[in-house]
């Protein structure tokens, strides 16, 4: 992988973790759950989007 695509991948992973932590904190107000969901990153974000009322479209 080239340097630019590697940096883009790392930025995407970081963004996914930040979104997952924000969602988790707003739902649970628990640092432990926020850490767990931060490790799951985009998997938790996609799970949340698919399981919330209204689905991905809101």
N, C-alpha and C. Protein backbone atom coordinates (compact mmCIF):
# COMPACT_ATOMS: atom_id res chain seq x y z
N UNK A 1 0.85 -1.18 0.00
CA UNK A 1 0.00 0.00 0.00
C UNK A 1 0.88 1.24 0.00
N UNK A 2 0.49 2.22 -0.76
CA UNK A 2 1.28 3.45 -0.80
C UNK A 2 1.03 4.27 0.46
N UNK A 3 1.84 5.27 0.67
CA UNK A 3 1.74 6.10 1.86
C UNK A 3 0.42 6.83 1.97
N UNK A 4 -0.08 7.37 0.85
CA UNK A 4 -1.34 8.14 0.88
C UNK A 4 -2.52 7.24 1.19
N UNK A 5 -2.58 6.05 0.57
CA UNK A 5 -3.73 5.18 0.85
C UNK A 5 -3.66 4.59 2.25
N UNK A 6 -2.46 4.38 2.76
CA UNK A 6 -2.31 3.91 4.14
C UNK A 6 -2.80 4.96 5.13
N UNK A 7 -2.47 6.21 4.86
CA UNK A 7 -2.93 7.30 5.74
C UNK A 7 -4.44 7.45 5.66
N UNK A 8 -5.01 7.27 4.48
CA UNK A 8 -6.46 7.37 4.31
C UNK A 8 -7.16 6.24 5.08
N UNK A 9 -6.61 5.05 5.02
CA UNK A 9 -7.19 3.92 5.74
C UNK A 9 -7.15 4.16 7.24
N UNK A 10 -6.03 4.66 7.74
CA UNK A 10 -5.92 4.94 9.17
C UNK A 10 -6.89 6.04 9.59
N UNK A 11 -7.07 7.04 8.75
CA UNK A 11 -8.02 8.12 9.06
C UNK A 11 -9.44 7.58 9.09
N UNK A 12 -9.77 6.67 8.19
CA UNK A 12 -11.10 6.06 8.16
C UNK A 12 -11.37 5.23 9.40
N UNK A 13 -10.37 4.48 9.83
CA UNK A 13 -10.51 3.68 11.05
C UNK A 13 -10.69 4.59 12.26
N UNK A 14 -9.92 5.66 12.32
CA UNK A 14 -10.04 6.61 13.42
C UNK A 14 -11.40 7.29 13.45
N UNK A 15 -11.91 7.65 12.29
CA UNK A 15 -13.22 8.27 12.20
C UNK A 15 -14.31 7.30 12.64
N UNK A 16 -14.21 6.05 12.22
CA UNK A 16 -15.18 5.03 12.62
C UNK A 16 -15.19 4.83 14.12
N UNK A 17 -14.02 4.82 14.73
CA UNK A 17 -13.93 4.67 16.18
C UNK A 17 -14.55 5.87 16.89
N UNK A 18 -14.28 7.07 16.39
CA UNK A 18 -14.83 8.26 17.01
C UNK A 18 -16.36 8.28 16.94
N UNK A 19 -16.91 7.90 15.79
CA UNK A 19 -18.37 7.86 15.64
C UNK A 19 -18.96 6.79 16.56
N UNK A 20 -18.32 5.63 16.62
CA UNK A 20 -18.81 4.54 17.47
C UNK A 20 -18.81 4.95 18.94
N UNK A 21 -17.76 5.61 19.39
CA UNK A 21 -17.67 6.06 20.79
C UNK A 21 -18.76 7.10 21.07
N UNK A 22 -18.97 8.02 20.14
CA UNK A 22 -19.99 9.05 20.34
C UNK A 22 -21.39 8.44 20.42
N UNK A 23 -21.70 7.51 19.55
CA UNK A 23 -23.00 6.84 19.58
C UNK A 23 -23.16 6.07 20.89
N UNK A 24 -22.13 5.30 21.23
CA UNK A 24 -22.18 4.49 22.44
C UNK A 24 -22.38 5.36 23.68
N UNK A 25 -21.64 6.45 23.78
CA UNK A 25 -21.76 7.32 24.96
C UNK A 25 -23.15 7.92 25.03
N UNK A 26 -23.71 8.34 23.90
CA UNK A 26 -25.04 8.96 23.91
C UNK A 26 -26.12 7.96 24.32
N UNK A 27 -25.90 6.68 24.03
CA UNK A 27 -26.89 5.67 24.39
C UNK A 27 -26.72 5.12 25.79
N UNK A 28 -25.46 4.89 26.21
CA UNK A 28 -25.21 4.16 27.46
C UNK A 28 -24.56 4.97 28.57
N UNK A 29 -23.94 6.09 28.28
CA UNK A 29 -23.18 6.88 29.26
C UNK A 29 -22.24 5.99 30.07
N UNK A 30 -21.54 5.07 29.39
CA UNK A 30 -20.63 4.14 30.03
C UNK A 30 -19.28 4.16 29.31
N UNK A 31 -18.23 4.39 30.06
CA UNK A 31 -16.89 4.40 29.47
C UNK A 31 -16.52 3.01 28.97
N UNK A 32 -16.90 1.98 29.71
CA UNK A 32 -16.57 0.61 29.31
C UNK A 32 -17.20 0.28 27.96
N UNK A 33 -18.50 0.57 27.80
CA UNK A 33 -19.16 0.30 26.52
C UNK A 33 -18.58 1.16 25.42
N UNK A 34 -18.22 2.40 25.72
CA UNK A 34 -17.62 3.28 24.70
C UNK A 34 -16.30 2.70 24.20
N UNK A 35 -15.50 2.14 25.11
CA UNK A 35 -14.23 1.53 24.71
C UNK A 35 -14.47 0.30 23.85
N UNK A 36 -15.41 -0.55 24.27
CA UNK A 36 -15.72 -1.76 23.50
C UNK A 36 -16.20 -1.39 22.11
N UNK A 37 -17.13 -0.44 22.03
CA UNK A 37 -17.66 -0.04 20.73
C UNK A 37 -16.62 0.69 19.89
N UNK A 38 -15.69 1.39 20.54
CA UNK A 38 -14.59 2.03 19.81
C UNK A 38 -13.70 1.01 19.13
N UNK A 39 -13.47 -0.13 19.79
CA UNK A 39 -12.68 -1.20 19.17
C UNK A 39 -13.43 -1.82 18.00
N UNK A 40 -14.74 -1.91 18.10
CA UNK A 40 -15.54 -2.49 17.01
C UNK A 40 -15.66 -1.53 15.82
N UNK A 41 -15.50 -0.24 16.08
CA UNK A 41 -15.42 0.80 15.06
C UNK A 41 -16.60 0.77 14.08
N UNK A 42 -16.30 0.64 12.81
CA UNK A 42 -17.34 0.73 11.78
C UNK A 42 -18.37 -0.38 11.90
N UNK A 43 -18.00 -1.54 12.47
CA UNK A 43 -18.98 -2.62 12.63
C UNK A 43 -20.12 -2.17 13.54
N UNK A 44 -19.78 -1.47 14.62
CA UNK A 44 -20.82 -0.98 15.52
C UNK A 44 -21.63 0.13 14.88
N UNK A 45 -20.98 1.02 14.13
CA UNK A 45 -21.69 2.12 13.47
C UNK A 45 -22.71 1.55 12.48
N UNK A 46 -22.32 0.58 11.68
CA UNK A 46 -23.23 -0.04 10.71
C UNK A 46 -24.35 -0.78 11.43
N UNK A 47 -24.01 -1.51 12.49
CA UNK A 47 -25.03 -2.22 13.28
C UNK A 47 -26.06 -1.24 13.82
N UNK A 48 -25.58 -0.13 14.38
CA UNK A 48 -26.48 0.88 14.93
C UNK A 48 -27.38 1.45 13.84
N UNK A 49 -26.81 1.76 12.69
CA UNK A 49 -27.59 2.33 11.59
C UNK A 49 -28.67 1.37 11.10
N UNK A 50 -28.36 0.09 11.09
CA UNK A 50 -29.31 -0.90 10.59
C UNK A 50 -30.40 -1.26 11.59
N UNK A 51 -30.12 -1.12 12.88
CA UNK A 51 -31.07 -1.58 13.89
C UNK A 51 -31.91 -0.47 14.52
N UNK A 52 -31.57 0.78 14.28
CA UNK A 52 -32.36 1.86 14.86
C UNK A 52 -33.66 2.05 14.10
N UNK A 53 -34.67 2.59 14.72
CA UNK A 53 -35.94 2.82 14.02
C UNK A 53 -35.74 3.72 12.81
N UNK A 54 -36.29 3.34 11.69
CA UNK A 54 -36.14 4.12 10.47
C UNK A 54 -34.98 3.68 9.62
N UNK A 55 -34.10 2.82 10.17
CA UNK A 55 -32.97 2.31 9.40
C UNK A 55 -31.97 3.38 9.04
N UNK A 56 -31.27 3.18 7.95
CA UNK A 56 -30.20 4.09 7.54
C UNK A 56 -30.75 5.44 7.10
N UNK A 57 -31.95 5.43 6.53
CA UNK A 57 -32.50 6.68 5.99
C UNK A 57 -32.99 7.64 7.08
N UNK A 58 -33.03 7.18 8.31
CA UNK A 58 -33.40 8.08 9.40
C UNK A 58 -34.72 7.73 9.95
